[in-house]
Amino acid sequence: MSAETKPVHVGAVVFPGFELLDTFGPLEMFGLLRERASITMVAETAGSVRSNQGPHVVAEATLDGSQGFDVLLVPGGWGTRTLAENPAFLAQLRHACDRARIVASVCTGSALLARAGVLDGRRATTNKANYKWATSQGPNVTWVPQARWVEDGRFFTSSGVSAGMDMALALIAHLFDRETSVQVADGAEYAWHEDKAWDPFAKLHGLA
């Protein structure tokens, strides 16, 4: 894919009980692009949102009122179990996905995408420790039990927590080029697992 000529706008979805590293691991990678990327935090309601670990972040925009993003990032966390039963949130999420150029999820964020119906007929993966619950949210999704991340069209879904950083680097390579991803990984002093099939945690949880 040809390199981007304008800044990539990333919309990061947050909600009560979102996982910190699911969100800020990928955002660190995009943030290291400097002027080539911009980031907006979005939520069902603008304002302060408490993470699963306790710290709050401020959502600058709402899902239903936000513009279409180049990348819509949906993290996981224990809060996904509540949101999977929230029709109003799922409707907002579905609308935001329809307007996004690329939709990416980390961990059980893919369960929310599945519950919203946007992954029907697609391949996807999710957190391996919570695989049974997450996959039950999308019976029409082709779930991949062993994968660091999965790409299907404009949807990128990754495994648990730290896998989001590997997926984010793959996204940067998709949007720009591999050299840019390598530079970002080096800047973060992060060892990029570039093989999307690398997944020791699937075996750990009896999925491989």
N, C-alpha and C. Protein backbone atom coordinates (compact mmCIF):
# COMPACT_ATOMS: atom_id res chain seq x y z
N MET A 1 0.85 -1.19 0.00
CA MET A 1 0.00 0.00 0.00
C MET A 1 0.88 1.24 0.00
N SER A 2 0.51 2.26 -0.71
CA SER A 2 1.32 3.47 -0.77
C SER A 2 1.30 4.20 0.55
N ALA A 3 2.36 4.91 0.87
CA ALA A 3 2.47 5.63 2.14
C ALA A 3 1.43 6.74 2.21
N GLU A 4 0.99 7.00 3.43
CA GLU A 4 0.00 8.05 3.66
C GLU A 4 0.59 9.43 3.37
N THR A 5 -0.22 10.31 2.81
CA THR A 5 0.23 11.67 2.53
C THR A 5 -0.38 12.67 3.51
N LYS A 6 -1.31 12.23 4.32
CA LYS A 6 -1.90 13.09 5.35
C LYS A 6 -1.92 12.33 6.66
N PRO A 7 -2.01 13.03 7.80
CA PRO A 7 -1.98 12.33 9.09
C PRO A 7 -3.10 11.30 9.21
N VAL A 8 -2.77 10.17 9.79
CA VAL A 8 -3.74 9.12 10.06
C VAL A 8 -4.44 9.47 11.37
N HIS A 9 -5.77 9.54 11.33
CA HIS A 9 -6.55 9.88 12.52
C HIS A 9 -7.04 8.61 13.18
N VAL A 10 -6.59 8.40 14.42
CA VAL A 10 -6.96 7.21 15.19
C VAL A 10 -7.98 7.60 16.24
N GLY A 11 -9.10 6.90 16.26
CA GLY A 11 -10.10 7.08 17.30
C GLY A 11 -10.03 5.90 18.25
N ALA A 12 -9.70 6.16 19.51
CA ALA A 12 -9.56 5.09 20.51
C ALA A 12 -10.79 5.07 21.40
N VAL A 13 -11.53 3.97 21.35
CA VAL A 13 -12.74 3.83 22.14
C VAL A 13 -12.37 3.46 23.58
N VAL A 14 -12.96 4.17 24.54
CA VAL A 14 -12.78 3.83 25.95
C VAL A 14 -14.15 3.68 26.60
N PHE A 15 -14.20 2.91 27.67
CA PHE A 15 -15.44 2.63 28.38
C PHE A 15 -15.07 2.20 29.80
N PRO A 16 -16.00 2.27 30.73
CA PRO A 16 -15.69 1.85 32.10
C PRO A 16 -15.18 0.40 32.12
N GLY A 17 -13.98 0.22 32.67
CA GLY A 17 -13.40 -1.11 32.73
C GLY A 17 -12.57 -1.49 31.53
N PHE A 18 -12.14 -0.50 30.70
CA PHE A 18 -11.27 -0.83 29.57
C PHE A 18 -9.87 -1.16 30.08
N GLU A 19 -9.14 -1.95 29.33
CA GLU A 19 -7.80 -2.39 29.70
C GLU A 19 -6.76 -1.35 29.24
N LEU A 20 -5.90 -0.92 30.17
CA LEU A 20 -4.95 0.15 29.86
C LEU A 20 -4.02 -0.20 28.71
N LEU A 21 -3.34 -1.37 28.79
CA LEU A 21 -2.35 -1.69 27.76
C LEU A 21 -2.99 -1.97 26.42
N ASP A 22 -4.22 -2.52 26.43
CA ASP A 22 -4.95 -2.71 25.18
C ASP A 22 -5.04 -1.41 24.40
N THR A 23 -5.22 -0.32 25.14
CA THR A 23 -5.42 1.00 24.54
C THR A 23 -4.11 1.71 24.29
N PHE A 24 -3.31 1.85 25.34
CA PHE A 24 -2.14 2.72 25.24
C PHE A 24 -0.91 2.05 24.64
N GLY A 25 -0.90 0.72 24.58
CA GLY A 25 0.18 0.06 23.83
C GLY A 25 0.11 0.43 22.36
N PRO A 26 -1.02 0.18 21.68
CA PRO A 26 -1.14 0.59 20.29
C PRO A 26 -1.02 2.10 20.09
N LEU A 27 -1.59 2.89 21.01
CA LEU A 27 -1.53 4.35 20.85
C LEU A 27 -0.10 4.87 20.95
N GLU A 28 0.73 4.20 21.75
CA GLU A 28 2.14 4.59 21.82
C GLU A 28 2.79 4.43 20.45
N MET A 29 2.47 3.35 19.76
CA MET A 29 3.06 3.11 18.45
C MET A 29 2.61 4.18 17.45
N PHE A 30 1.32 4.48 17.44
CA PHE A 30 0.84 5.53 16.54
C PHE A 30 1.37 6.89 16.96
N GLY A 31 1.49 7.11 18.26
CA GLY A 31 2.00 8.39 18.75
C GLY A 31 3.43 8.66 18.33
N LEU A 32 4.22 7.58 18.17
CA LEU A 32 5.61 7.73 17.75
C LEU A 32 5.74 8.13 16.29
N LEU A 33 4.62 8.14 15.58
CA LEU A 33 4.63 8.64 14.20
C LEU A 33 4.67 10.17 14.16
N ARG A 34 4.50 10.79 15.34
CA ARG A 34 4.52 12.26 15.47
C ARG A 34 3.46 12.90 14.59
N GLU A 35 3.88 13.78 13.70
CA GLU A 35 2.93 14.56 12.91
C GLU A 35 2.20 13.72 11.86
N ARG A 36 2.60 12.48 11.69
CA ARG A 36 1.94 11.63 10.71
C ARG A 36 0.69 10.94 11.25
N ALA A 37 0.37 11.16 12.53
CA ALA A 37 -0.83 10.55 13.12
C ALA A 37 -1.40 11.48 14.17
N SER A 38 -2.71 11.42 14.36
CA SER A 38 -3.38 12.14 15.44
C SER A 38 -4.31 11.16 16.14
N ILE A 39 -4.58 11.42 17.42
CA ILE A 39 -5.33 10.48 18.24
C ILE A 39 -6.45 11.21 18.97
N THR A 40 -7.65 10.64 18.95
CA THR A 40 -8.78 11.17 19.69
C THR A 40 -9.38 10.05 20.53
N MET A 41 -9.63 10.34 21.82
CA MET A 41 -10.29 9.37 22.69
C MET A 41 -11.80 9.57 22.56
N VAL A 42 -12.53 8.47 22.36
CA VAL A 42 -13.98 8.55 22.18
C VAL A 42 -14.67 7.56 23.11
N ALA A 43 -15.89 7.89 23.51
CA ALA A 43 -16.65 7.04 24.41
C ALA A 43 -18.14 7.23 24.15
N GLU A 44 -18.95 6.43 24.81
CA GLU A 44 -20.39 6.57 24.68
C GLU A 44 -20.83 7.96 25.13
N THR A 45 -20.18 8.45 26.20
CA THR A 45 -20.42 9.79 26.72
C THR A 45 -19.08 10.46 26.93
N ALA A 46 -18.93 11.70 26.48
CA ALA A 46 -17.65 12.42 26.66
C ALA A 46 -17.39 12.67 28.13
N GLY A 47 -16.11 12.75 28.48
CA GLY A 47 -15.73 13.03 29.85
C GLY A 47 -14.80 11.98 30.41
N SER A 48 -14.71 11.92 31.74
CA SER A 48 -13.78 11.02 32.42
C SER A 48 -14.28 9.58 32.37
N VAL A 49 -13.37 8.65 32.05
CA VAL A 49 -13.72 7.23 31.97
C VAL A 49 -12.68 6.44 32.77
N ARG A 50 -13.15 5.59 33.67
CA ARG A 50 -12.25 4.82 34.54
C ARG A 50 -11.84 3.52 33.88
N SER A 51 -10.55 3.25 33.88
CA SER A 51 -10.02 2.02 33.30
C SER A 51 -10.20 0.84 34.26
N ASN A 52 -9.93 -0.35 33.78
CA ASN A 52 -9.99 -1.55 34.60
C ASN A 52 -8.98 -1.50 35.74
N GLN A 53 -7.85 -0.82 35.50
CA GLN A 53 -6.79 -0.72 36.50
C GLN A 53 -6.96 0.47 37.45
N GLY A 54 -7.91 1.35 37.17
CA GLY A 54 -8.17 2.47 38.06
C GLY A 54 -7.99 3.86 37.49
N PRO A 55 -6.86 4.15 36.81
CA PRO A 55 -6.69 5.49 36.25
C PRO A 55 -7.79 5.88 35.27
N HIS A 56 -8.14 7.16 35.27
CA HIS A 56 -9.15 7.68 34.37
C HIS A 56 -8.51 8.32 33.14
N VAL A 57 -9.21 8.31 32.05
CA VAL A 57 -8.83 9.08 30.87
C VAL A 57 -10.02 9.95 30.50
N VAL A 58 -9.76 10.96 29.68
CA VAL A 58 -10.83 11.87 29.25
C VAL A 58 -11.18 11.60 27.80
N ALA A 59 -12.43 11.23 27.57
CA ALA A 59 -12.93 11.06 26.21
C ALA A 59 -13.31 12.43 25.67
N GLU A 60 -12.72 12.80 24.53
CA GLU A 60 -12.95 14.11 23.95
C GLU A 60 -14.19 14.17 23.08
N ALA A 61 -14.64 13.01 22.62
CA ALA A 61 -15.77 12.97 21.70
C ALA A 61 -16.62 11.74 21.98
N THR A 62 -17.85 11.76 21.47
CA THR A 62 -18.73 10.61 21.62
C THR A 62 -18.70 9.76 20.36
N LEU A 63 -19.00 8.49 20.53
CA LEU A 63 -19.01 7.58 19.38
C LEU A 63 -20.01 8.01 18.32
N ASP A 64 -21.20 8.43 18.77
CA ASP A 64 -22.22 8.78 17.77
C ASP A 64 -21.99 10.14 17.15
N GLY A 65 -21.19 11.00 17.80
CA GLY A 65 -20.97 12.33 17.26
C GLY A 65 -19.62 12.51 16.61
N SER A 66 -18.77 11.48 16.70
CA SER A 66 -17.42 11.60 16.15
C SER A 66 -17.43 11.44 14.64
N GLN A 67 -16.40 12.00 14.03
CA GLN A 67 -16.24 11.86 12.59
C GLN A 67 -15.73 10.47 12.26
N GLY A 68 -15.72 10.13 11.00
CA GLY A 68 -15.15 8.85 10.60
C GLY A 68 -13.64 8.87 10.79
N PHE A 69 -13.11 7.81 11.39
CA PHE A 69 -11.67 7.74 11.65
C PHE A 69 -10.97 6.88 10.60
N ASP A 70 -9.68 7.15 10.42
CA ASP A 70 -8.89 6.25 9.58
C ASP A 70 -8.76 4.89 10.27
N VAL A 71 -8.54 4.92 11.59
CA VAL A 71 -8.45 3.70 12.39
C VAL A 71 -9.33 3.87 13.62
N LEU A 72 -10.29 2.98 13.80
CA LEU A 72 -11.09 2.94 15.03
C LEU A 72 -10.55 1.79 15.86
N LEU A 73 -10.03 2.09 17.05
CA LEU A 73 -9.40 1.09 17.92
C LEU A 73 -10.33 0.75 19.07
N VAL A 74 -10.66 -0.53 19.21
CA VAL A 74 -11.57 -0.99 20.26
C VAL A 74 -10.81 -1.93 21.20
N PRO A 75 -10.53 -1.52 22.43
CA PRO A 75 -9.81 -2.37 23.37
C PRO A 75 -10.73 -3.36 24.06
N GLY A 76 -10.14 -4.23 24.85
CA GLY A 76 -10.90 -5.13 25.68
C GLY A 76 -10.86 -4.68 27.13
N GLY A 77 -11.09 -5.62 28.02
CA GLY A 77 -11.17 -5.31 29.45
C GLY A 77 -12.46 -5.89 30.02
N TRP A 78 -12.55 -5.95 31.34
CA TRP A 78 -13.73 -6.53 31.97
C TRP A 78 -15.00 -5.77 31.64
N GLY A 79 -14.88 -4.52 31.29
CA GLY A 79 -16.05 -3.73 30.93
C GLY A 79 -16.75 -4.22 29.68
N THR A 80 -16.09 -5.04 28.88
CA THR A 80 -16.73 -5.54 27.66
C THR A 80 -17.92 -6.44 27.98
N ARG A 81 -17.89 -7.10 29.13
CA ARG A 81 -18.99 -8.01 29.49
C ARG A 81 -20.29 -7.24 29.75
N THR A 82 -20.15 -6.06 30.31
CA THR A 82 -21.33 -5.22 30.52
C THR A 82 -21.80 -4.62 29.20
N LEU A 83 -20.86 -4.12 28.41
CA LEU A 83 -21.22 -3.46 27.15
C LEU A 83 -21.81 -4.42 26.13
N ALA A 84 -21.46 -5.69 26.22
CA ALA A 84 -22.03 -6.68 25.30
C ALA A 84 -23.54 -6.81 25.47
N GLU A 85 -24.05 -6.33 26.62
CA GLU A 85 -25.49 -6.37 26.89
C GLU A 85 -26.11 -4.97 26.82
N ASN A 86 -25.40 -4.02 26.21
CA ASN A 86 -25.85 -2.62 26.13
C ASN A 86 -26.19 -2.28 24.68
N PRO A 87 -27.48 -2.40 24.28
CA PRO A 87 -27.86 -2.17 22.89
C PRO A 87 -27.54 -0.76 22.39
N ALA A 88 -27.65 0.25 23.26
CA ALA A 88 -27.38 1.63 22.84
C ALA A 88 -25.90 1.78 22.47
N PHE A 89 -25.01 1.23 23.30
CA PHE A 89 -23.58 1.31 23.00
C PHE A 89 -23.27 0.55 21.72
N LEU A 90 -23.82 -0.65 21.58
CA LEU A 90 -23.53 -1.47 20.40
C LEU A 90 -23.99 -0.79 19.12
N ALA A 91 -25.12 -0.07 19.19
CA ALA A 91 -25.60 0.67 18.02
C ALA A 91 -24.63 1.79 17.66
N GLN A 92 -24.13 2.51 18.67
CA GLN A 92 -23.15 3.56 18.43
C GLN A 92 -21.86 2.98 17.85
N LEU A 93 -21.43 1.86 18.41
CA LEU A 93 -20.20 1.22 17.92
C LEU A 93 -20.36 0.79 16.47
N ARG A 94 -21.49 0.19 16.15
CA ARG A 94 -21.74 -0.25 14.77
C ARG A 94 -21.71 0.93 13.81
N HIS A 95 -22.30 2.04 14.21
CA HIS A 95 -22.31 3.24 13.37
C HIS A 95 -20.89 3.78 13.18
N ALA A 96 -20.11 3.79 14.26
CA ALA A 96 -18.72 4.27 14.17
C ALA A 96 -17.89 3.35 13.27
N CYS A 97 -18.13 2.05 13.34
CA CYS A 97 -17.41 1.10 12.48
C CYS A 97 -17.76 1.32 11.02
N ASP A 98 -19.02 1.60 10.75
CA ASP A 98 -19.45 1.84 9.37
C ASP A 98 -18.72 3.04 8.77
N ARG A 99 -18.39 4.04 9.60
CA ARG A 99 -17.75 5.25 9.11
C ARG A 99 -16.23 5.17 9.09
N ALA A 100 -15.66 4.15 9.75
CA ALA A 100 -14.21 4.05 9.86
C ALA A 100 -13.60 3.39 8.63
N ARG A 101 -12.43 3.82 8.28
CA ARG A 101 -11.69 3.21 7.17
C ARG A 101 -11.16 1.84 7.56
N ILE A 102 -10.60 1.73 8.77
CA ILE A 102 -10.09 0.48 9.31
C ILE A 102 -10.61 0.35 10.74
N VAL A 103 -11.03 -0.86 11.11
CA VAL A 103 -11.47 -1.13 12.47
C VAL A 103 -10.51 -2.15 13.08
N ALA A 104 -9.97 -1.84 14.26
CA ALA A 104 -9.01 -2.72 14.91
C ALA A 104 -9.45 -2.97 16.35
N SER A 105 -9.22 -4.19 16.80
CA SER A 105 -9.57 -4.51 18.18
C SER A 105 -8.42 -5.22 18.87
N VAL A 106 -8.41 -5.11 20.20
CA VAL A 106 -7.43 -5.79 21.02
C VAL A 106 -8.19 -6.63 22.05
N CYS A 107 -7.74 -7.85 22.27
CA CYS A 107 -8.30 -8.67 23.33
C CYS A 107 -9.80 -8.89 23.12
N THR A 108 -10.60 -8.72 24.16
CA THR A 108 -12.05 -8.95 24.04
C THR A 108 -12.78 -7.80 23.37
N GLY A 109 -12.05 -6.84 22.84
CA GLY A 109 -12.68 -5.80 22.02
C GLY A 109 -13.36 -6.42 20.81
N SER A 110 -12.81 -7.55 20.33
CA SER A 110 -13.44 -8.22 19.18
C SER A 110 -14.78 -8.82 19.56
N ALA A 111 -15.00 -9.12 20.83
CA ALA A 111 -16.30 -9.62 21.28
C ALA A 111 -17.36 -8.54 21.10
N LEU A 112 -16.98 -7.28 21.37
CA LEU A 112 -17.92 -6.18 21.17
C LEU A 112 -18.22 -5.99 19.69
N LEU A 113 -17.19 -6.10 18.86
CA LEU A 113 -17.42 -5.99 17.42
C LEU A 113 -18.32 -7.11 16.93
N ALA A 114 -18.08 -8.31 17.46
CA ALA A 114 -18.92 -9.45 17.06
C ALA A 114 -20.36 -9.25 17.51
N ARG A 115 -20.53 -8.78 18.74
CA ARG A 115 -21.88 -8.57 19.27
C ARG A 115 -22.61 -7.47 18.50
N ALA A 116 -21.84 -6.51 18.00
CA ALA A 116 -22.43 -5.43 17.19
C ALA A 116 -22.76 -5.90 15.78
N GLY A 117 -22.29 -7.08 15.41
CA GLY A 117 -22.62 -7.66 14.10
C GLY A 117 -21.69 -7.30 12.98
N VAL A 118 -20.63 -6.55 13.26
CA VAL A 118 -19.78 -6.08 12.16
C VAL A 118 -18.75 -7.11 11.72
N LEU A 119 -18.59 -8.19 12.49
CA LEU A 119 -17.63 -9.23 12.11
C LEU A 119 -18.30 -10.45 11.49
N ASP A 120 -19.60 -10.40 11.30
CA ASP A 120 -20.30 -11.54 10.70
C ASP A 120 -19.69 -11.90 9.35
N GLY A 121 -19.38 -13.19 9.18
CA GLY A 121 -18.82 -13.66 7.92
C GLY A 121 -17.33 -13.40 7.77
N ARG A 122 -16.70 -12.89 8.81
CA ARG A 122 -15.26 -12.57 8.74
C ARG A 122 -14.46 -13.46 9.69
N ARG A 123 -13.15 -13.49 9.46
CA ARG A 123 -12.21 -14.17 10.35
C ARG A 123 -11.77 -13.18 11.41
N ALA A 124 -11.57 -13.67 12.64
CA ALA A 124 -11.15 -12.80 13.73
C ALA A 124 -10.54 -13.64 14.84
N THR A 125 -9.82 -12.97 15.73
CA THR A 125 -9.29 -13.64 16.91
C THR A 125 -9.56 -12.78 18.13
N THR A 126 -9.15 -13.28 19.29
CA THR A 126 -9.47 -12.59 20.53
C THR A 126 -8.54 -13.09 21.64
N ASN A 127 -8.77 -12.64 22.85
CA ASN A 127 -8.01 -13.06 24.02
C ASN A 127 -8.17 -14.56 24.25
N LYS A 128 -7.07 -15.26 24.52
CA LYS A 128 -7.14 -16.70 24.64
C LYS A 128 -7.61 -17.16 26.03
N ALA A 129 -7.33 -16.38 27.06
CA ALA A 129 -7.80 -16.74 28.40
C ALA A 129 -9.31 -16.61 28.52
N ASN A 130 -9.92 -15.75 27.72
CA ASN A 130 -11.36 -15.53 27.74
C ASN A 130 -12.00 -15.92 26.41
N TYR A 131 -11.38 -16.89 25.75
CA TYR A 131 -11.78 -17.26 24.39
C TYR A 131 -13.22 -17.76 24.31
N LYS A 132 -13.62 -18.59 25.26
CA LYS A 132 -14.96 -19.18 25.21
C LYS A 132 -16.04 -18.11 25.27
N TRP A 133 -15.90 -17.17 26.24
CA TRP A 133 -16.90 -16.11 26.36
C TRP A 133 -16.87 -15.21 25.13
N ALA A 134 -15.68 -14.77 24.74
CA ALA A 134 -15.56 -13.81 23.63
C ALA A 134 -16.16 -14.38 22.35
N THR A 135 -15.83 -15.63 22.03
CA THR A 135 -16.30 -16.21 20.77
C THR A 135 -17.80 -16.48 20.81
N SER A 136 -18.36 -16.65 22.00
CA SER A 136 -19.81 -16.88 22.11
C SER A 136 -20.61 -15.64 21.72
N GLN A 137 -19.95 -14.50 21.65
CA GLN A 137 -20.63 -13.26 21.27
C GLN A 137 -20.83 -13.14 19.77
N GLY A 138 -20.18 -14.02 19.00
CA GLY A 138 -20.30 -13.93 17.54
C GLY A 138 -20.38 -15.29 16.88
N PRO A 139 -21.53 -15.94 16.90
CA PRO A 139 -21.65 -17.26 16.29
C PRO A 139 -21.47 -17.26 14.77
N ASN A 140 -21.58 -16.10 14.14
CA ASN A 140 -21.42 -16.01 12.69
C ASN A 140 -20.03 -15.53 12.28
N VAL A 141 -19.12 -15.52 13.24
CA VAL A 141 -17.73 -15.12 12.99
C VAL A 141 -16.88 -16.38 12.87
N THR A 142 -15.93 -16.40 11.97
CA THR A 142 -14.97 -17.50 11.88
C THR A 142 -13.81 -17.18 12.81
N TRP A 143 -13.87 -17.73 14.00
CA TRP A 143 -12.85 -17.42 15.01
C TRP A 143 -11.58 -18.24 14.77
N VAL A 144 -10.45 -17.57 14.87
CA VAL A 144 -9.14 -18.21 14.67
C VAL A 144 -8.50 -18.40 16.04
N PRO A 145 -8.39 -19.63 16.53
CA PRO A 145 -7.90 -19.85 17.89
C PRO A 145 -6.41 -19.59 18.08
N GLN A 146 -5.63 -19.75 17.03
CA GLN A 146 -4.18 -19.55 17.15
C GLN A 146 -3.73 -18.46 16.19
N ALA A 147 -3.56 -17.26 16.73
CA ALA A 147 -3.11 -16.11 15.92
C ALA A 147 -2.76 -14.97 16.85
N ARG A 148 -1.68 -14.28 16.56
CA ARG A 148 -1.34 -13.07 17.30
C ARG A 148 -2.31 -11.96 16.90
N TRP A 149 -2.57 -11.87 15.59
CA TRP A 149 -3.63 -11.01 15.10
C TRP A 149 -4.12 -11.58 13.77
N VAL A 150 -5.31 -11.15 13.36
CA VAL A 150 -5.92 -11.61 12.12
C VAL A 150 -6.35 -10.39 11.31
N GLU A 151 -6.10 -10.43 10.01
CA GLU A 151 -6.54 -9.38 9.11
C GLU A 151 -7.60 -9.94 8.17
N ASP A 152 -8.72 -9.25 8.06
CA ASP A 152 -9.77 -9.63 7.12
C ASP A 152 -10.37 -8.36 6.56
N GLY A 153 -9.97 -8.02 5.35
CA GLY A 153 -10.43 -6.77 4.76
C GLY A 153 -9.98 -5.58 5.59
N ARG A 154 -10.93 -4.74 5.99
CA ARG A 154 -10.58 -3.55 6.77
C ARG A 154 -10.64 -3.80 8.27
N PHE A 155 -10.76 -5.08 8.67
CA PHE A 155 -10.81 -5.43 10.08
C PHE A 155 -9.52 -6.11 10.52
N PHE A 156 -8.93 -5.59 11.59
CA PHE A 156 -7.74 -6.16 12.21
C PHE A 156 -8.12 -6.51 13.66
N THR A 157 -8.04 -7.77 14.04
CA THR A 157 -8.35 -8.17 15.41
C THR A 157 -7.14 -8.85 16.01
N SER A 158 -6.85 -8.58 17.27
CA SER A 158 -5.66 -9.16 17.89
C SER A 158 -6.01 -9.94 19.14
N SER A 159 -5.06 -10.70 19.59
CA SER A 159 -5.19 -11.54 20.77
C SER A 159 -5.12 -10.66 22.03
N GLY A 160 -4.71 -11.23 23.14
CA GLY A 160 -4.80 -10.53 24.42
C GLY A 160 -3.74 -9.46 24.67
N VAL A 161 -4.17 -8.36 25.17
CA VAL A 161 -3.42 -7.26 25.78
C VAL A 161 -2.20 -6.83 24.95
N SER A 162 -1.02 -7.42 25.19
CA SER A 162 0.20 -6.95 24.52
C SER A 162 0.17 -7.19 23.01
N ALA A 163 -0.69 -8.10 22.55
CA ALA A 163 -0.77 -8.39 21.12
C ALA A 163 -1.19 -7.15 20.33
N GLY A 164 -1.86 -6.22 20.99
CA GLY A 164 -2.29 -5.00 20.30
C GLY A 164 -1.14 -4.19 19.75
N MET A 165 0.02 -4.26 20.41
CA MET A 165 1.17 -3.52 19.92
C MET A 165 1.71 -4.12 18.63
N ASP A 166 1.74 -5.46 18.57
CA ASP A 166 2.17 -6.12 17.33
C ASP A 166 1.21 -5.80 16.20
N MET A 167 -0.09 -5.83 16.50
CA MET A 167 -1.09 -5.50 15.49
C MET A 167 -0.97 -4.06 15.03
N ALA A 168 -0.72 -3.15 15.99
CA ALA A 168 -0.58 -1.73 15.63
C ALA A 168 0.59 -1.52 14.68
N LEU A 169 1.68 -2.22 14.91
CA LEU A 169 2.83 -2.10 14.02
C LEU A 169 2.50 -2.67 12.63
N ALA A 170 1.71 -3.75 12.61
CA ALA A 170 1.27 -4.29 11.31
C ALA A 170 0.36 -3.28 10.60
N LEU A 171 -0.47 -2.59 11.36
CA LEU A 171 -1.33 -1.57 10.78
C LEU A 171 -0.52 -0.42 10.22
N ILE A 172 0.53 -0.02 10.93
CA ILE A 172 1.39 1.06 10.46
C ILE A 172 2.09 0.64 9.16
N ALA A 173 2.51 -0.62 9.10
CA ALA A 173 3.12 -1.12 7.85
C ALA A 173 2.10 -1.11 6.72
N HIS A 174 0.85 -1.42 7.04
CA HIS A 174 -0.23 -1.41 6.05
C HIS A 174 -0.50 0.00 5.54
N LEU A 175 -0.49 0.96 6.46
CA LEU A 175 -0.81 2.34 6.10
C LEU A 175 0.37 3.09 5.49
N PHE A 176 1.57 2.75 5.93
CA PHE A 176 2.78 3.42 5.45
C PHE A 176 3.67 2.41 4.72
N ASP A 177 4.56 1.77 5.48
CA ASP A 177 5.42 0.71 4.94
C ASP A 177 6.10 0.01 6.11
N ARG A 178 6.73 -1.12 5.82
CA ARG A 178 7.37 -1.90 6.88
C ARG A 178 8.51 -1.14 7.53
N GLU A 179 9.26 -0.39 6.74
CA GLU A 179 10.39 0.37 7.30
C GLU A 179 9.92 1.32 8.40
N THR A 180 8.77 1.95 8.19
CA THR A 180 8.23 2.86 9.20
C THR A 180 7.90 2.09 10.48
N SER A 181 7.32 0.91 10.35
CA SER A 181 6.99 0.09 11.52
C SER A 181 8.25 -0.31 12.28
N VAL A 182 9.27 -0.69 11.57
CA VAL A 182 10.54 -1.07 12.21
C VAL A 182 11.12 0.13 12.96
N GLN A 183 11.07 1.30 12.37
CA GLN A 183 11.56 2.51 13.03
C GLN A 183 10.77 2.81 14.30
N VAL A 184 9.45 2.65 14.23
CA VAL A 184 8.60 2.89 15.39
C VAL A 184 8.92 1.88 16.49
N ALA A 185 9.03 0.60 16.14
CA ALA A 185 9.36 -0.43 17.12
C ALA A 185 10.71 -0.15 17.77
N ASP A 186 11.69 0.24 16.98
CA ASP A 186 13.01 0.58 17.52
C ASP A 186 12.92 1.77 18.46
N GLY A 187 12.11 2.77 18.08
CA GLY A 187 11.95 3.95 18.93
C GLY A 187 11.32 3.61 20.26
N ALA A 188 10.46 2.60 20.27
CA ALA A 188 9.80 2.17 21.50
C ALA A 188 10.62 1.13 22.26
N GLU A 189 11.77 0.72 21.68
CA GLU A 189 12.57 -0.37 22.21
C GLU A 189 11.69 -1.60 22.44
N TYR A 190 10.90 -1.91 21.42
CA TYR A 190 9.97 -3.03 21.48
C TYR A 190 10.33 -4.07 20.43
N ALA A 191 10.37 -5.35 20.84
CA ALA A 191 10.67 -6.43 19.90
C ALA A 191 9.38 -6.84 19.21
N TRP A 192 9.19 -6.39 17.99
CA TRP A 192 7.96 -6.62 17.24
C TRP A 192 7.87 -8.08 16.83
N HIS A 193 6.79 -8.77 17.23
CA HIS A 193 6.50 -10.12 16.75
C HIS A 193 5.78 -9.95 15.41
N GLU A 194 6.55 -9.98 14.36
CA GLU A 194 6.03 -9.64 13.04
C GLU A 194 5.20 -10.76 12.42
N ASP A 195 5.34 -11.96 12.95
CA ASP A 195 4.59 -13.11 12.43
C ASP A 195 3.22 -13.15 13.11
N LYS A 196 2.15 -12.88 12.36
CA LYS A 196 0.82 -12.83 12.96
C LYS A 196 0.32 -14.20 13.40
N ALA A 197 0.98 -15.28 12.98
CA ALA A 197 0.59 -16.62 13.40
C ALA A 197 1.28 -17.04 14.71
N TRP A 198 2.24 -16.23 15.16
CA TRP A 198 2.95 -16.54 16.42
C TRP A 198 1.99 -16.38 17.59
N ASP A 199 1.73 -17.47 18.31
CA ASP A 199 0.76 -17.39 19.39
C ASP A 199 0.99 -18.50 20.41
N PRO A 200 1.96 -18.35 21.30
CA PRO A 200 2.20 -19.38 22.33
C PRO A 200 1.07 -19.47 23.34
N PHE A 201 0.24 -18.44 23.43
CA PHE A 201 -0.80 -18.41 24.46
C PHE A 201 -1.99 -19.28 24.07
N ALA A 202 -2.16 -19.57 22.80
CA ALA A 202 -3.20 -20.49 22.38
C ALA A 202 -2.95 -21.87 22.96
N LYS A 203 -1.71 -22.33 22.90
CA LYS A 203 -1.35 -23.63 23.47
C LYS A 203 -1.49 -23.61 24.98
N LEU A 204 -1.10 -22.51 25.60
CA LEU A 204 -1.18 -22.36 27.05
C LEU A 204 -2.61 -22.56 27.54
N HIS A 205 -3.57 -22.11 26.74
CA HIS A 205 -4.98 -22.20 27.13
C HIS A 205 -5.73 -23.32 26.41
N GLY A 206 -4.96 -24.28 25.86
CA GLY A 206 -5.56 -25.46 25.27
C GLY A 206 -6.30 -25.24 23.97
N LEU A 207 -5.87 -24.22 23.20
CA LEU A 207 -6.54 -23.91 21.94
C LEU A 207 -5.73 -24.32 20.72
N ALA A 208 -4.58 -24.90 20.94
CA ALA A 208 -3.72 -25.33 19.83
C ALA A 208 -3.05 -26.66 20.16
